Amino acid sequence: MEIIHFLIDLLKDPLFTLQGFLDKYDTLTYGILFLIVFVETGLIIMPLLPGDSLLFAAGLLASSTGKLDVTLIIPLLILAALLGDNVNYLVGKNFSNYIKSRDKILFLKRSYITQTEEFYEKHGGRTVILARFMPIVRTIAPFVAGAGSMKYPKYIMFCILGAILWVTSITLLGYFLGSNQWVKLNFEKVVLGIVFVSIAPMIWAIIKAKFFSKAK
């Protein structure tokens, strides 16, 4: 039950919850960070865990408290993201026939997989990178890539690049902005702003492809 309460608190206030965990458990915080990133990216049933907020909070606390080492956080969480993605991809691949034989599994409709496959084909591997910055989508994308037609060598190349960019950029933003009081007081707004800026190019590409191509 304690872990459930912790996850609920983490969803409500990632910074405060992580700060409390750090004060209480010290270096065990590295383990919980690793586990949360792995679960968010590796288990399709856990898409609501706050990955972006967690990375930003970890960087911020490394800067403001000195209890966490950002040079350890970054490679550790890159590894967690890669392991999670690979588990998710392999589950999708091994159950692809089962998935495609049904109209819906959990919250995934077969049409979602077909549409995502088409999107991957049209926009290439960059979608794997951009999906990394999109909450919920980053949990579903590896599963769909595995269940779809994306080959593993192509997937893993963009997966590695995406994990490095995602973990490094958001953690370092938290680290370098950690001393700013306004950032601490407006934590969630800052994280949402980062996510929006990250996915804006993809949103624009979709709008352009959907509307402007038809106009021509």
N, C-alpha and C. Protein backbone atom coordinates (compact mmCIF):
# COMPACT_ATOMS: atom_id res chain seq x y z
N MET A 1 0.82 -1.21 0.00
CA MET A 1 0.00 0.00 0.00
C MET A 1 0.85 1.26 0.00
N GLU A 2 2.02 1.18 0.66
CA GLU A 2 2.88 2.36 0.75
C GLU A 2 3.36 2.80 -0.62
N ILE A 3 3.67 1.82 -1.50
CA ILE A 3 4.13 2.16 -2.84
C ILE A 3 3.02 2.83 -3.64
N ILE A 4 1.76 2.40 -3.43
CA ILE A 4 0.63 3.02 -4.13
C ILE A 4 0.46 4.47 -3.70
N HIS A 5 0.55 4.71 -2.39
CA HIS A 5 0.46 6.08 -1.88
C HIS A 5 1.59 6.94 -2.43
N PHE A 6 2.78 6.34 -2.52
CA PHE A 6 3.93 7.07 -3.04
C PHE A 6 3.70 7.47 -4.50
N LEU A 7 3.17 6.55 -5.31
CA LEU A 7 2.93 6.84 -6.72
C LEU A 7 1.85 7.90 -6.90
N ILE A 8 0.81 7.84 -6.05
CA ILE A 8 -0.25 8.86 -6.11
C ILE A 8 0.32 10.23 -5.75
N ASP A 9 1.13 10.27 -4.70
CA ASP A 9 1.78 11.53 -4.30
C ASP A 9 2.71 12.04 -5.39
N LEU A 10 3.38 11.11 -6.06
CA LEU A 10 4.30 11.48 -7.13
C LEU A 10 3.56 12.12 -8.29
N LEU A 11 2.37 11.61 -8.60
CA LEU A 11 1.55 12.20 -9.65
C LEU A 11 1.05 13.59 -9.26
N LYS A 12 0.72 13.76 -7.99
CA LYS A 12 0.19 15.04 -7.52
C LYS A 12 1.28 16.11 -7.45
N ASP A 13 2.42 15.76 -6.88
CA ASP A 13 3.49 16.74 -6.67
C ASP A 13 4.85 16.04 -6.75
N PRO A 14 5.39 15.86 -7.97
CA PRO A 14 6.64 15.11 -8.14
C PRO A 14 7.82 15.70 -7.36
N LEU A 15 7.94 17.02 -7.37
CA LEU A 15 9.09 17.65 -6.71
C LEU A 15 9.05 17.45 -5.20
N PHE A 16 7.93 17.74 -4.59
CA PHE A 16 7.79 17.60 -3.13
C PHE A 16 7.96 16.14 -2.70
N THR A 17 7.36 15.22 -3.46
CA THR A 17 7.42 13.80 -3.12
C THR A 17 8.84 13.26 -3.24
N LEU A 18 9.51 13.64 -4.33
CA LEU A 18 10.89 13.18 -4.52
C LEU A 18 11.82 13.78 -3.46
N GLN A 19 11.57 15.04 -3.10
CA GLN A 19 12.35 15.69 -2.04
C GLN A 19 12.19 14.92 -0.72
N GLY A 20 10.95 14.55 -0.39
CA GLY A 20 10.69 13.80 0.84
C GLY A 20 11.36 12.43 0.82
N PHE A 21 11.33 11.77 -0.33
CA PHE A 21 11.97 10.46 -0.45
C PHE A 21 13.48 10.59 -0.30
N LEU A 22 14.04 11.63 -0.90
CA LEU A 22 15.48 11.88 -0.82
C LEU A 22 15.91 12.14 0.62
N ASP A 23 15.14 12.95 1.33
CA ASP A 23 15.46 13.26 2.73
C ASP A 23 15.41 12.00 3.61
N LYS A 24 14.49 11.11 3.28
CA LYS A 24 14.28 9.92 4.11
C LYS A 24 15.22 8.77 3.76
N TYR A 25 15.45 8.56 2.45
CA TYR A 25 16.18 7.36 2.02
C TYR A 25 17.54 7.64 1.38
N ASP A 26 17.86 8.89 1.16
CA ASP A 26 19.17 9.29 0.64
C ASP A 26 19.49 8.58 -0.69
N THR A 27 20.56 7.77 -0.73
CA THR A 27 21.04 7.20 -2.00
C THR A 27 20.07 6.19 -2.61
N LEU A 28 19.12 5.67 -1.84
CA LEU A 28 18.12 4.78 -2.42
C LEU A 28 17.26 5.50 -3.46
N THR A 29 17.33 6.82 -3.45
CA THR A 29 16.58 7.62 -4.43
C THR A 29 17.00 7.27 -5.85
N TYR A 30 18.28 6.95 -6.05
CA TYR A 30 18.74 6.55 -7.38
C TYR A 30 17.96 5.32 -7.87
N GLY A 31 17.74 4.39 -6.96
CA GLY A 31 17.01 3.17 -7.31
C GLY A 31 15.57 3.44 -7.67
N ILE A 32 14.90 4.32 -6.92
CA ILE A 32 13.50 4.62 -7.21
C ILE A 32 13.37 5.40 -8.52
N LEU A 33 14.33 6.28 -8.80
CA LEU A 33 14.33 6.99 -10.08
C LEU A 33 14.46 6.01 -11.24
N PHE A 34 15.40 5.08 -11.11
CA PHE A 34 15.62 4.07 -12.15
C PHE A 34 14.35 3.25 -12.36
N LEU A 35 13.75 2.81 -11.27
CA LEU A 35 12.56 1.96 -11.35
C LEU A 35 11.39 2.67 -12.00
N ILE A 36 11.16 3.92 -11.64
CA ILE A 36 10.02 4.66 -12.19
C ILE A 36 10.19 4.89 -13.69
N VAL A 37 11.39 5.30 -14.11
CA VAL A 37 11.62 5.52 -15.55
C VAL A 37 11.49 4.20 -16.31
N PHE A 38 12.02 3.12 -15.75
CA PHE A 38 11.90 1.81 -16.40
C PHE A 38 10.44 1.39 -16.54
N VAL A 39 9.67 1.53 -15.47
CA VAL A 39 8.27 1.11 -15.48
C VAL A 39 7.45 1.98 -16.44
N GLU A 40 7.71 3.28 -16.44
CA GLU A 40 6.94 4.17 -17.32
C GLU A 40 7.18 3.84 -18.79
N THR A 41 8.42 3.53 -19.14
CA THR A 41 8.74 3.25 -20.54
C THR A 41 8.56 1.78 -20.90
N GLY A 42 8.59 0.89 -19.90
CA GLY A 42 8.57 -0.54 -20.19
C GLY A 42 7.24 -1.24 -20.04
N LEU A 43 6.34 -0.67 -19.25
CA LEU A 43 5.04 -1.32 -19.02
C LEU A 43 3.93 -0.48 -19.62
N ILE A 44 3.27 -1.01 -20.62
CA ILE A 44 2.25 -0.24 -21.33
C ILE A 44 1.06 0.10 -20.44
N ILE A 45 0.92 -0.62 -19.33
CA ILE A 45 -0.20 -0.34 -18.42
C ILE A 45 0.11 0.79 -17.44
N MET A 46 1.32 1.37 -17.54
CA MET A 46 1.71 2.44 -16.60
C MET A 46 2.10 3.73 -17.34
N PRO A 47 1.26 4.23 -18.23
CA PRO A 47 1.66 5.40 -19.02
C PRO A 47 1.54 6.74 -18.29
N LEU A 48 0.93 6.74 -17.11
CA LEU A 48 0.65 8.01 -16.43
C LEU A 48 1.74 8.44 -15.45
N LEU A 49 2.78 7.64 -15.29
CA LEU A 49 3.87 8.04 -14.40
C LEU A 49 4.55 9.29 -14.96
N PRO A 50 4.94 10.22 -14.08
CA PRO A 50 5.42 11.55 -14.52
C PRO A 50 6.90 11.56 -14.92
N GLY A 51 7.21 11.01 -16.08
CA GLY A 51 8.61 10.92 -16.51
C GLY A 51 9.31 12.25 -16.64
N ASP A 52 8.70 13.19 -17.36
CA ASP A 52 9.32 14.50 -17.57
C ASP A 52 9.51 15.24 -16.25
N SER A 53 8.46 15.26 -15.44
CA SER A 53 8.53 15.94 -14.14
C SER A 53 9.59 15.31 -13.25
N LEU A 54 9.71 13.99 -13.32
CA LEU A 54 10.67 13.28 -12.49
C LEU A 54 12.10 13.64 -12.88
N LEU A 55 12.38 13.67 -14.18
CA LEU A 55 13.72 14.04 -14.65
C LEU A 55 14.07 15.46 -14.25
N PHE A 56 13.12 16.36 -14.45
CA PHE A 56 13.35 17.77 -14.12
C PHE A 56 13.57 17.92 -12.62
N ALA A 57 12.75 17.23 -11.83
CA ALA A 57 12.88 17.30 -10.37
C ALA A 57 14.21 16.72 -9.90
N ALA A 58 14.65 15.63 -10.52
CA ALA A 58 15.92 15.02 -10.15
C ALA A 58 17.08 15.97 -10.41
N GLY A 59 17.05 16.63 -11.58
CA GLY A 59 18.09 17.61 -11.89
C GLY A 59 18.05 18.79 -10.95
N LEU A 60 16.84 19.26 -10.65
CA LEU A 60 16.68 20.41 -9.75
C LEU A 60 17.20 20.09 -8.35
N LEU A 61 16.87 18.90 -7.84
CA LEU A 61 17.32 18.52 -6.49
C LEU A 61 18.82 18.25 -6.45
N ALA A 62 19.37 17.76 -7.54
CA ALA A 62 20.82 17.56 -7.61
C ALA A 62 21.54 18.90 -7.47
N SER A 63 20.95 19.92 -8.08
CA SER A 63 21.54 21.26 -8.04
C SER A 63 21.32 21.94 -6.70
N SER A 64 20.10 21.85 -6.17
CA SER A 64 19.75 22.65 -4.99
C SER A 64 20.13 21.99 -3.66
N THR A 65 20.23 20.65 -3.63
CA THR A 65 20.54 19.98 -2.37
C THR A 65 21.95 19.39 -2.32
N GLY A 66 22.49 19.04 -3.48
CA GLY A 66 23.80 18.40 -3.51
C GLY A 66 23.78 16.95 -3.08
N LYS A 67 22.59 16.41 -2.81
CA LYS A 67 22.49 15.02 -2.35
C LYS A 67 22.46 14.01 -3.51
N LEU A 68 22.20 14.51 -4.70
CA LEU A 68 22.20 13.66 -5.89
C LEU A 68 23.28 14.13 -6.84
N ASP A 69 23.90 13.20 -7.53
CA ASP A 69 24.97 13.51 -8.48
C ASP A 69 24.40 13.44 -9.89
N VAL A 70 24.35 14.59 -10.57
CA VAL A 70 23.74 14.64 -11.89
C VAL A 70 24.53 13.80 -12.90
N THR A 71 25.84 13.65 -12.69
CA THR A 71 26.64 12.83 -13.61
C THR A 71 26.36 11.34 -13.44
N LEU A 72 25.73 10.97 -12.36
CA LEU A 72 25.28 9.59 -12.16
C LEU A 72 23.83 9.41 -12.59
N ILE A 73 23.01 10.43 -12.31
CA ILE A 73 21.59 10.36 -12.66
C ILE A 73 21.40 10.16 -14.16
N ILE A 74 22.11 10.94 -14.97
CA ILE A 74 21.89 10.92 -16.42
C ILE A 74 22.16 9.55 -17.04
N PRO A 75 23.37 8.97 -16.89
CA PRO A 75 23.57 7.64 -17.49
C PRO A 75 22.67 6.56 -16.91
N LEU A 76 22.38 6.66 -15.61
CA LEU A 76 21.52 5.67 -14.96
C LEU A 76 20.12 5.68 -15.56
N LEU A 77 19.57 6.87 -15.79
CA LEU A 77 18.20 6.96 -16.30
C LEU A 77 18.13 6.76 -17.81
N ILE A 78 19.23 7.03 -18.52
CA ILE A 78 19.29 6.65 -19.93
C ILE A 78 19.19 5.13 -20.05
N LEU A 79 19.94 4.44 -19.19
CA LEU A 79 19.89 2.97 -19.17
C LEU A 79 18.49 2.47 -18.83
N ALA A 80 17.85 3.09 -17.84
CA ALA A 80 16.50 2.69 -17.45
C ALA A 80 15.52 2.86 -18.60
N ALA A 81 15.62 3.99 -19.31
CA ALA A 81 14.73 4.25 -20.45
C ALA A 81 14.96 3.25 -21.57
N LEU A 82 16.22 2.93 -21.85
CA LEU A 82 16.54 1.98 -22.92
C LEU A 82 16.03 0.57 -22.58
N LEU A 83 16.25 0.15 -21.35
CA LEU A 83 15.78 -1.18 -20.94
C LEU A 83 14.25 -1.26 -21.01
N GLY A 84 13.59 -0.20 -20.53
CA GLY A 84 12.13 -0.17 -20.57
C GLY A 84 11.60 -0.21 -21.99
N ASP A 85 12.19 0.58 -22.86
CA ASP A 85 11.77 0.61 -24.26
C ASP A 85 11.93 -0.75 -24.93
N ASN A 86 13.07 -1.41 -24.65
CA ASN A 86 13.33 -2.70 -25.28
C ASN A 86 12.36 -3.78 -24.79
N VAL A 87 12.05 -3.76 -23.52
CA VAL A 87 11.05 -4.69 -22.99
C VAL A 87 9.70 -4.45 -23.67
N ASN A 88 9.32 -3.20 -23.78
CA ASN A 88 8.04 -2.82 -24.39
C ASN A 88 8.00 -3.22 -25.86
N TYR A 89 9.09 -2.96 -26.58
CA TYR A 89 9.18 -3.32 -28.00
C TYR A 89 9.04 -4.83 -28.19
N LEU A 90 9.78 -5.60 -27.37
CA LEU A 90 9.77 -7.06 -27.51
C LEU A 90 8.42 -7.67 -27.15
N VAL A 91 7.74 -7.09 -26.16
CA VAL A 91 6.39 -7.56 -25.83
C VAL A 91 5.46 -7.32 -27.02
N GLY A 92 5.54 -6.12 -27.60
CA GLY A 92 4.73 -5.82 -28.78
C GLY A 92 5.03 -6.75 -29.94
N LYS A 93 6.31 -7.03 -30.16
CA LYS A 93 6.71 -7.89 -31.28
C LYS A 93 6.24 -9.33 -31.08
N ASN A 94 6.42 -9.86 -29.88
CA ASN A 94 6.06 -11.26 -29.61
C ASN A 94 4.55 -11.50 -29.59
N PHE A 95 3.80 -10.44 -29.32
CA PHE A 95 2.35 -10.60 -29.27
C PHE A 95 1.65 -9.89 -30.44
N SER A 96 2.42 -9.58 -31.49
CA SER A 96 1.87 -8.81 -32.61
C SER A 96 0.70 -9.52 -33.29
N ASN A 97 0.83 -10.83 -33.51
CA ASN A 97 -0.26 -11.56 -34.18
C ASN A 97 -1.52 -11.57 -33.33
N TYR A 98 -1.33 -11.76 -32.03
CA TYR A 98 -2.47 -11.75 -31.11
C TYR A 98 -3.14 -10.38 -31.09
N ILE A 99 -2.30 -9.33 -31.05
CA ILE A 99 -2.81 -7.96 -31.01
C ILE A 99 -3.61 -7.63 -32.26
N LYS A 100 -3.05 -8.02 -33.43
CA LYS A 100 -3.69 -7.67 -34.70
C LYS A 100 -4.94 -8.50 -34.98
N SER A 101 -5.10 -9.60 -34.25
CA SER A 101 -6.28 -10.44 -34.45
C SER A 101 -7.48 -9.94 -33.66
N ARG A 102 -7.27 -8.91 -32.86
CA ARG A 102 -8.35 -8.38 -32.03
C ARG A 102 -8.55 -6.90 -32.30
N ASP A 103 -9.78 -6.47 -32.14
CA ASP A 103 -10.10 -5.06 -32.40
C ASP A 103 -9.57 -4.15 -31.30
N LYS A 104 -9.46 -4.68 -30.08
CA LYS A 104 -9.03 -3.84 -28.97
C LYS A 104 -8.41 -4.69 -27.86
N ILE A 105 -7.29 -4.18 -27.31
CA ILE A 105 -6.67 -4.79 -26.13
C ILE A 105 -6.39 -3.67 -25.15
N LEU A 106 -6.93 -3.79 -23.95
CA LEU A 106 -6.84 -2.71 -22.96
C LEU A 106 -7.40 -1.44 -23.59
N PHE A 107 -6.57 -0.40 -23.69
CA PHE A 107 -7.01 0.85 -24.30
C PHE A 107 -6.49 1.00 -25.73
N LEU A 108 -5.87 -0.06 -26.27
CA LEU A 108 -5.29 0.00 -27.61
C LEU A 108 -6.23 -0.63 -28.64
N LYS A 109 -6.66 0.16 -29.60
CA LYS A 109 -7.45 -0.38 -30.69
C LYS A 109 -6.50 -0.80 -31.82
N ARG A 110 -6.93 -1.78 -32.59
CA ARG A 110 -6.10 -2.24 -33.70
C ARG A 110 -5.85 -1.10 -34.68
N SER A 111 -6.81 -0.22 -34.83
CA SER A 111 -6.65 0.91 -35.75
C SER A 111 -5.52 1.83 -35.31
N TYR A 112 -5.28 1.93 -33.97
CA TYR A 112 -4.18 2.76 -33.47
C TYR A 112 -2.84 2.23 -33.98
N ILE A 113 -2.70 0.91 -33.96
CA ILE A 113 -1.45 0.29 -34.41
C ILE A 113 -1.25 0.53 -35.89
N THR A 114 -2.32 0.35 -36.67
CA THR A 114 -2.24 0.58 -38.12
C THR A 114 -1.88 2.02 -38.43
N GLN A 115 -2.53 2.96 -37.75
CA GLN A 115 -2.25 4.38 -37.98
C GLN A 115 -0.83 4.75 -37.57
N THR A 116 -0.37 4.17 -36.46
CA THR A 116 0.99 4.46 -36.00
C THR A 116 2.02 3.89 -36.96
N GLU A 117 1.76 2.70 -37.48
CA GLU A 117 2.65 2.11 -38.48
C GLU A 117 2.78 3.03 -39.69
N GLU A 118 1.64 3.53 -40.15
CA GLU A 118 1.64 4.43 -41.31
C GLU A 118 2.41 5.71 -41.00
N PHE A 119 2.25 6.19 -39.76
CA PHE A 119 2.95 7.41 -39.34
C PHE A 119 4.45 7.17 -39.30
N TYR A 120 4.86 6.01 -38.79
CA TYR A 120 6.28 5.65 -38.76
C TYR A 120 6.85 5.59 -40.18
N GLU A 121 6.08 4.97 -41.08
CA GLU A 121 6.53 4.83 -42.46
C GLU A 121 6.70 6.19 -43.13
N LYS A 122 5.78 7.10 -42.84
CA LYS A 122 5.79 8.41 -43.48
C LYS A 122 6.87 9.32 -42.94
N HIS A 123 7.04 9.34 -41.62
CA HIS A 123 7.94 10.31 -40.99
C HIS A 123 9.27 9.71 -40.53
N GLY A 124 9.41 8.40 -40.66
CA GLY A 124 10.69 7.77 -40.36
C GLY A 124 11.00 7.67 -38.87
N GLY A 125 12.28 7.36 -38.59
CA GLY A 125 12.71 7.11 -37.23
C GLY A 125 12.65 8.31 -36.31
N ARG A 126 12.54 9.51 -36.87
CA ARG A 126 12.50 10.69 -36.00
C ARG A 126 11.27 10.68 -35.10
N THR A 127 10.23 9.94 -35.52
CA THR A 127 9.05 9.85 -34.67
C THR A 127 9.35 9.12 -33.36
N VAL A 128 10.30 8.18 -33.41
CA VAL A 128 10.70 7.46 -32.18
C VAL A 128 11.33 8.44 -31.21
N ILE A 129 12.14 9.36 -31.75
CA ILE A 129 12.81 10.36 -30.91
C ILE A 129 11.79 11.35 -30.35
N LEU A 130 10.93 11.87 -31.21
CA LEU A 130 9.95 12.87 -30.78
C LEU A 130 8.93 12.28 -29.81
N ALA A 131 8.56 11.03 -30.02
CA ALA A 131 7.60 10.38 -29.12
C ALA A 131 8.14 10.31 -27.70
N ARG A 132 9.45 10.25 -27.58
CA ARG A 132 10.08 10.19 -26.25
C ARG A 132 9.71 11.39 -25.39
N PHE A 133 9.48 12.53 -26.01
CA PHE A 133 9.18 13.75 -25.26
C PHE A 133 7.68 13.93 -25.00
N MET A 134 6.87 12.97 -25.43
CA MET A 134 5.42 13.10 -25.31
C MET A 134 4.89 12.15 -24.24
N PRO A 135 4.40 12.69 -23.12
CA PRO A 135 3.84 11.83 -22.07
C PRO A 135 2.77 10.90 -22.63
N ILE A 136 2.69 9.71 -22.10
CA ILE A 136 1.77 8.64 -22.51
C ILE A 136 2.20 8.03 -23.85
N VAL A 137 2.45 8.89 -24.86
CA VAL A 137 2.86 8.39 -26.17
C VAL A 137 4.17 7.61 -26.06
N ARG A 138 5.10 8.08 -25.21
CA ARG A 138 6.40 7.40 -25.11
C ARG A 138 6.26 6.00 -24.52
N THR A 139 5.17 5.75 -23.77
CA THR A 139 4.92 4.42 -23.24
C THR A 139 4.32 3.51 -24.30
N ILE A 140 3.46 4.06 -25.14
CA ILE A 140 2.77 3.27 -26.15
C ILE A 140 3.64 3.03 -27.39
N ALA A 141 4.46 4.02 -27.76
CA ALA A 141 5.21 3.98 -29.02
C ALA A 141 6.10 2.74 -29.18
N PRO A 142 6.91 2.35 -28.18
CA PRO A 142 7.75 1.16 -28.36
C PRO A 142 6.92 -0.11 -28.58
N PHE A 143 5.82 -0.22 -27.85
CA PHE A 143 4.93 -1.38 -27.98
C PHE A 143 4.37 -1.46 -29.39
N VAL A 144 3.90 -0.33 -29.90
CA VAL A 144 3.32 -0.29 -31.24
C VAL A 144 4.39 -0.52 -32.30
N ALA A 145 5.60 0.02 -32.09
CA ALA A 145 6.70 -0.20 -33.03
C ALA A 145 7.03 -1.69 -33.12
N GLY A 146 7.01 -2.38 -31.98
CA GLY A 146 7.28 -3.81 -31.98
C GLY A 146 6.16 -4.61 -32.63
N ALA A 147 4.92 -4.21 -32.36
CA ALA A 147 3.77 -4.91 -32.93
C ALA A 147 3.61 -4.60 -34.41
N GLY A 148 4.18 -3.49 -34.85
CA GLY A 148 4.07 -3.07 -36.24
C GLY A 148 5.20 -3.60 -37.10
N SER A 149 5.60 -2.80 -38.06
CA SER A 149 6.56 -3.28 -39.06
C SER A 149 7.96 -2.69 -38.90
N MET A 150 8.19 -1.89 -37.85
CA MET A 150 9.51 -1.28 -37.70
C MET A 150 10.54 -2.32 -37.26
N LYS A 151 11.60 -2.46 -38.05
CA LYS A 151 12.64 -3.44 -37.75
C LYS A 151 13.47 -2.99 -36.56
N TYR A 152 13.96 -3.97 -35.80
CA TYR A 152 14.67 -3.67 -34.55
C TYR A 152 15.94 -2.83 -34.75
N PRO A 153 16.80 -3.15 -35.74
CA PRO A 153 18.02 -2.32 -35.91
C PRO A 153 17.71 -0.84 -36.11
N LYS A 154 16.68 -0.56 -36.89
CA LYS A 154 16.29 0.83 -37.11
C LYS A 154 15.71 1.42 -35.83
N TYR A 155 14.87 0.65 -35.16
CA TYR A 155 14.24 1.13 -33.94
C TYR A 155 15.27 1.44 -32.86
N ILE A 156 16.20 0.52 -32.62
CA ILE A 156 17.13 0.69 -31.51
C ILE A 156 18.06 1.88 -31.73
N MET A 157 18.40 2.15 -32.99
CA MET A 157 19.27 3.30 -33.28
C MET A 157 18.60 4.60 -32.84
N PHE A 158 17.35 4.79 -33.23
CA PHE A 158 16.63 6.01 -32.86
C PHE A 158 16.22 5.99 -31.39
N CYS A 159 16.01 4.80 -30.86
CA CYS A 159 15.65 4.65 -29.45
C CYS A 159 16.79 5.14 -28.55
N ILE A 160 18.02 4.75 -28.89
CA ILE A 160 19.19 5.17 -28.11
C ILE A 160 19.35 6.68 -28.17
N LEU A 161 19.26 7.23 -29.39
CA LEU A 161 19.39 8.67 -29.56
C LEU A 161 18.30 9.42 -28.79
N GLY A 162 17.08 8.92 -28.86
CA GLY A 162 15.97 9.55 -28.16
C GLY A 162 16.14 9.52 -26.66
N ALA A 163 16.60 8.39 -26.13
CA ALA A 163 16.80 8.26 -24.68
C ALA A 163 17.86 9.23 -24.19
N ILE A 164 18.95 9.34 -24.95
CA ILE A 164 20.03 10.26 -24.57
C ILE A 164 19.54 11.70 -24.57
N LEU A 165 18.84 12.08 -25.63
CA LEU A 165 18.34 13.46 -25.74
C LEU A 165 17.32 13.77 -24.66
N TRP A 166 16.40 12.86 -24.42
CA TRP A 166 15.32 13.08 -23.45
C TRP A 166 15.87 13.23 -22.03
N VAL A 167 16.60 12.23 -21.59
CA VAL A 167 17.11 12.25 -20.21
C VAL A 167 18.07 13.41 -19.99
N THR A 168 19.01 13.59 -20.91
CA THR A 168 20.04 14.62 -20.74
C THR A 168 19.45 16.02 -20.74
N SER A 169 18.60 16.31 -21.73
CA SER A 169 18.08 17.68 -21.87
C SER A 169 17.21 18.09 -20.68
N ILE A 170 16.27 17.24 -20.30
CA ILE A 170 15.34 17.63 -19.23
C ILE A 170 16.01 17.62 -17.86
N THR A 171 16.89 16.66 -17.62
CA THR A 171 17.61 16.62 -16.34
C THR A 171 18.53 17.83 -16.19
N LEU A 172 19.24 18.18 -17.25
CA LEU A 172 20.14 19.33 -17.18
C LEU A 172 19.38 20.65 -17.07
N LEU A 173 18.22 20.73 -17.70
CA LEU A 173 17.39 21.93 -17.53
C LEU A 173 17.01 22.10 -16.06
N GLY A 174 16.60 21.01 -15.44
CA GLY A 174 16.29 21.07 -14.01
C GLY A 174 17.51 21.44 -13.18
N TYR A 175 18.65 20.92 -13.57
CA TYR A 175 19.89 21.18 -12.82
C TYR A 175 20.29 22.65 -12.90
N PHE A 176 20.26 23.21 -14.11
CA PHE A 176 20.72 24.59 -14.28
C PHE A 176 19.68 25.63 -13.85
N LEU A 177 18.41 25.22 -13.82
CA LEU A 177 17.37 26.14 -13.35
C LEU A 177 17.02 25.92 -11.88
N GLY A 178 17.72 24.98 -11.25
CA GLY A 178 17.38 24.58 -9.89
C GLY A 178 17.51 25.67 -8.84
N SER A 179 18.36 26.64 -9.09
CA SER A 179 18.56 27.71 -8.10
C SER A 179 17.55 28.85 -8.25
N ASN A 180 16.72 28.78 -9.30
CA ASN A 180 15.74 29.83 -9.57
C ASN A 180 14.47 29.59 -8.75
N GLN A 181 14.15 30.52 -7.87
CA GLN A 181 13.00 30.35 -6.98
C GLN A 181 11.69 30.31 -7.74
N TRP A 182 11.58 31.11 -8.81
CA TRP A 182 10.36 31.13 -9.61
C TRP A 182 10.10 29.75 -10.22
N VAL A 183 11.15 29.10 -10.68
CA VAL A 183 11.03 27.76 -11.26
C VAL A 183 10.49 26.78 -10.23
N LYS A 184 11.00 26.86 -9.00
CA LYS A 184 10.53 25.96 -7.94
C LYS A 184 9.06 26.18 -7.62
N LEU A 185 8.65 27.45 -7.62
CA LEU A 185 7.26 27.77 -7.29
C LEU A 185 6.30 27.45 -8.43
N ASN A 186 6.82 27.38 -9.65
CA ASN A 186 5.99 27.11 -10.82
C ASN A 186 6.47 25.85 -11.53
N PHE A 187 6.79 24.86 -10.75
CA PHE A 187 7.42 23.63 -11.25
C PHE A 187 6.64 22.99 -12.39
N GLU A 188 5.36 22.72 -12.17
CA GLU A 188 4.55 22.01 -13.16
C GLU A 188 4.40 22.82 -14.45
N LYS A 189 4.25 24.14 -14.31
CA LYS A 189 4.12 24.99 -15.50
C LYS A 189 5.39 24.94 -16.34
N VAL A 190 6.52 24.95 -15.68
CA VAL A 190 7.81 24.89 -16.39
C VAL A 190 7.93 23.57 -17.14
N VAL A 191 7.59 22.47 -16.48
CA VAL A 191 7.68 21.15 -17.12
C VAL A 191 6.74 21.06 -18.31
N LEU A 192 5.51 21.56 -18.15
CA LEU A 192 4.55 21.56 -19.26
C LEU A 192 5.06 22.39 -20.43
N GLY A 193 5.69 23.52 -20.11
CA GLY A 193 6.28 24.36 -21.14
C GLY A 193 7.37 23.64 -21.91
N ILE A 194 8.20 22.90 -21.19
CA ILE A 194 9.28 22.13 -21.82
C ILE A 194 8.71 21.06 -22.75
N VAL A 195 7.68 20.37 -22.26
CA VAL A 195 7.04 19.32 -23.07
C VAL A 195 6.44 19.92 -24.33
N PHE A 196 5.76 21.06 -24.19
CA PHE A 196 5.13 21.70 -25.35
C PHE A 196 6.16 22.11 -26.39
N VAL A 197 7.23 22.74 -25.94
CA VAL A 197 8.29 23.16 -26.87
C VAL A 197 8.90 21.94 -27.56
N SER A 198 9.02 20.84 -26.83
CA SER A 198 9.61 19.62 -27.38
C SER A 198 8.76 19.02 -28.50
N ILE A 199 7.45 19.03 -28.30
CA ILE A 199 6.57 18.36 -29.27
C ILE A 199 6.00 19.30 -30.32
N ALA A 200 6.25 20.61 -30.18
CA ALA A 200 5.71 21.58 -31.14
C ALA A 200 6.09 21.27 -32.58
N PRO A 201 7.36 20.90 -32.88
CA PRO A 201 7.71 20.57 -34.27
C PRO A 201 6.90 19.40 -34.82
N MET A 202 6.64 18.41 -33.99
CA MET A 202 5.87 17.25 -34.44
C MET A 202 4.42 17.63 -34.71
N ILE A 203 3.86 18.46 -33.82
CA ILE A 203 2.48 18.92 -34.01
C ILE A 203 2.36 19.70 -35.32
N TRP A 204 3.35 20.56 -35.56
CA TRP A 204 3.35 21.35 -36.79
C TRP A 204 3.46 20.46 -38.02
N ALA A 205 4.31 19.43 -37.95
CA ALA A 205 4.49 18.50 -39.07
C ALA A 205 3.19 17.76 -39.38
N ILE A 206 2.46 17.37 -38.34
CA ILE A 206 1.18 16.67 -38.52
C ILE A 206 0.15 17.60 -39.14
N ILE A 207 0.07 18.83 -38.63
CA ILE A 207 -0.88 19.81 -39.16
C ILE A 207 -0.58 20.11 -40.63
N LYS A 208 0.71 20.29 -40.92
CA LYS A 208 1.12 20.61 -42.29
C LYS A 208 0.78 19.46 -43.24
N ALA A 209 1.07 18.23 -42.79
CA ALA A 209 0.80 17.06 -43.62
C ALA A 209 -0.69 16.84 -43.83
N LYS A 210 -1.47 17.14 -42.80
CA LYS A 210 -2.92 16.86 -42.85
C LYS A 210 -3.69 17.89 -43.65
N PHE A 211 -3.33 19.17 -43.48
CA PHE A 211 -4.13 20.24 -44.07
C PHE A 211 -3.49 20.89 -45.30
N PHE A 212 -2.20 21.22 -45.19
CA PHE A 212 -1.57 21.96 -46.28
C PHE A 212 -1.33 21.09 -47.50
N SER A 213 -1.05 19.80 -47.29
CA SER A 213 -0.83 18.91 -48.43
C SER A 213 -2.12 18.73 -49.23
N LYS A 214 -3.26 18.73 -48.50
CA LYS A 214 -4.56 18.60 -49.18
C LYS A 214 -4.88 19.85 -49.99
N ALA A 215 -4.44 21.00 -49.46
CA ALA A 215 -4.72 22.26 -50.14
C ALA A 215 -4.05 22.32 -51.50
N LYS A 216 -2.88 21.66 -51.58
CA LYS A 216 -2.16 21.64 -52.86
C LYS A 216 -2.87 20.73 -53.86
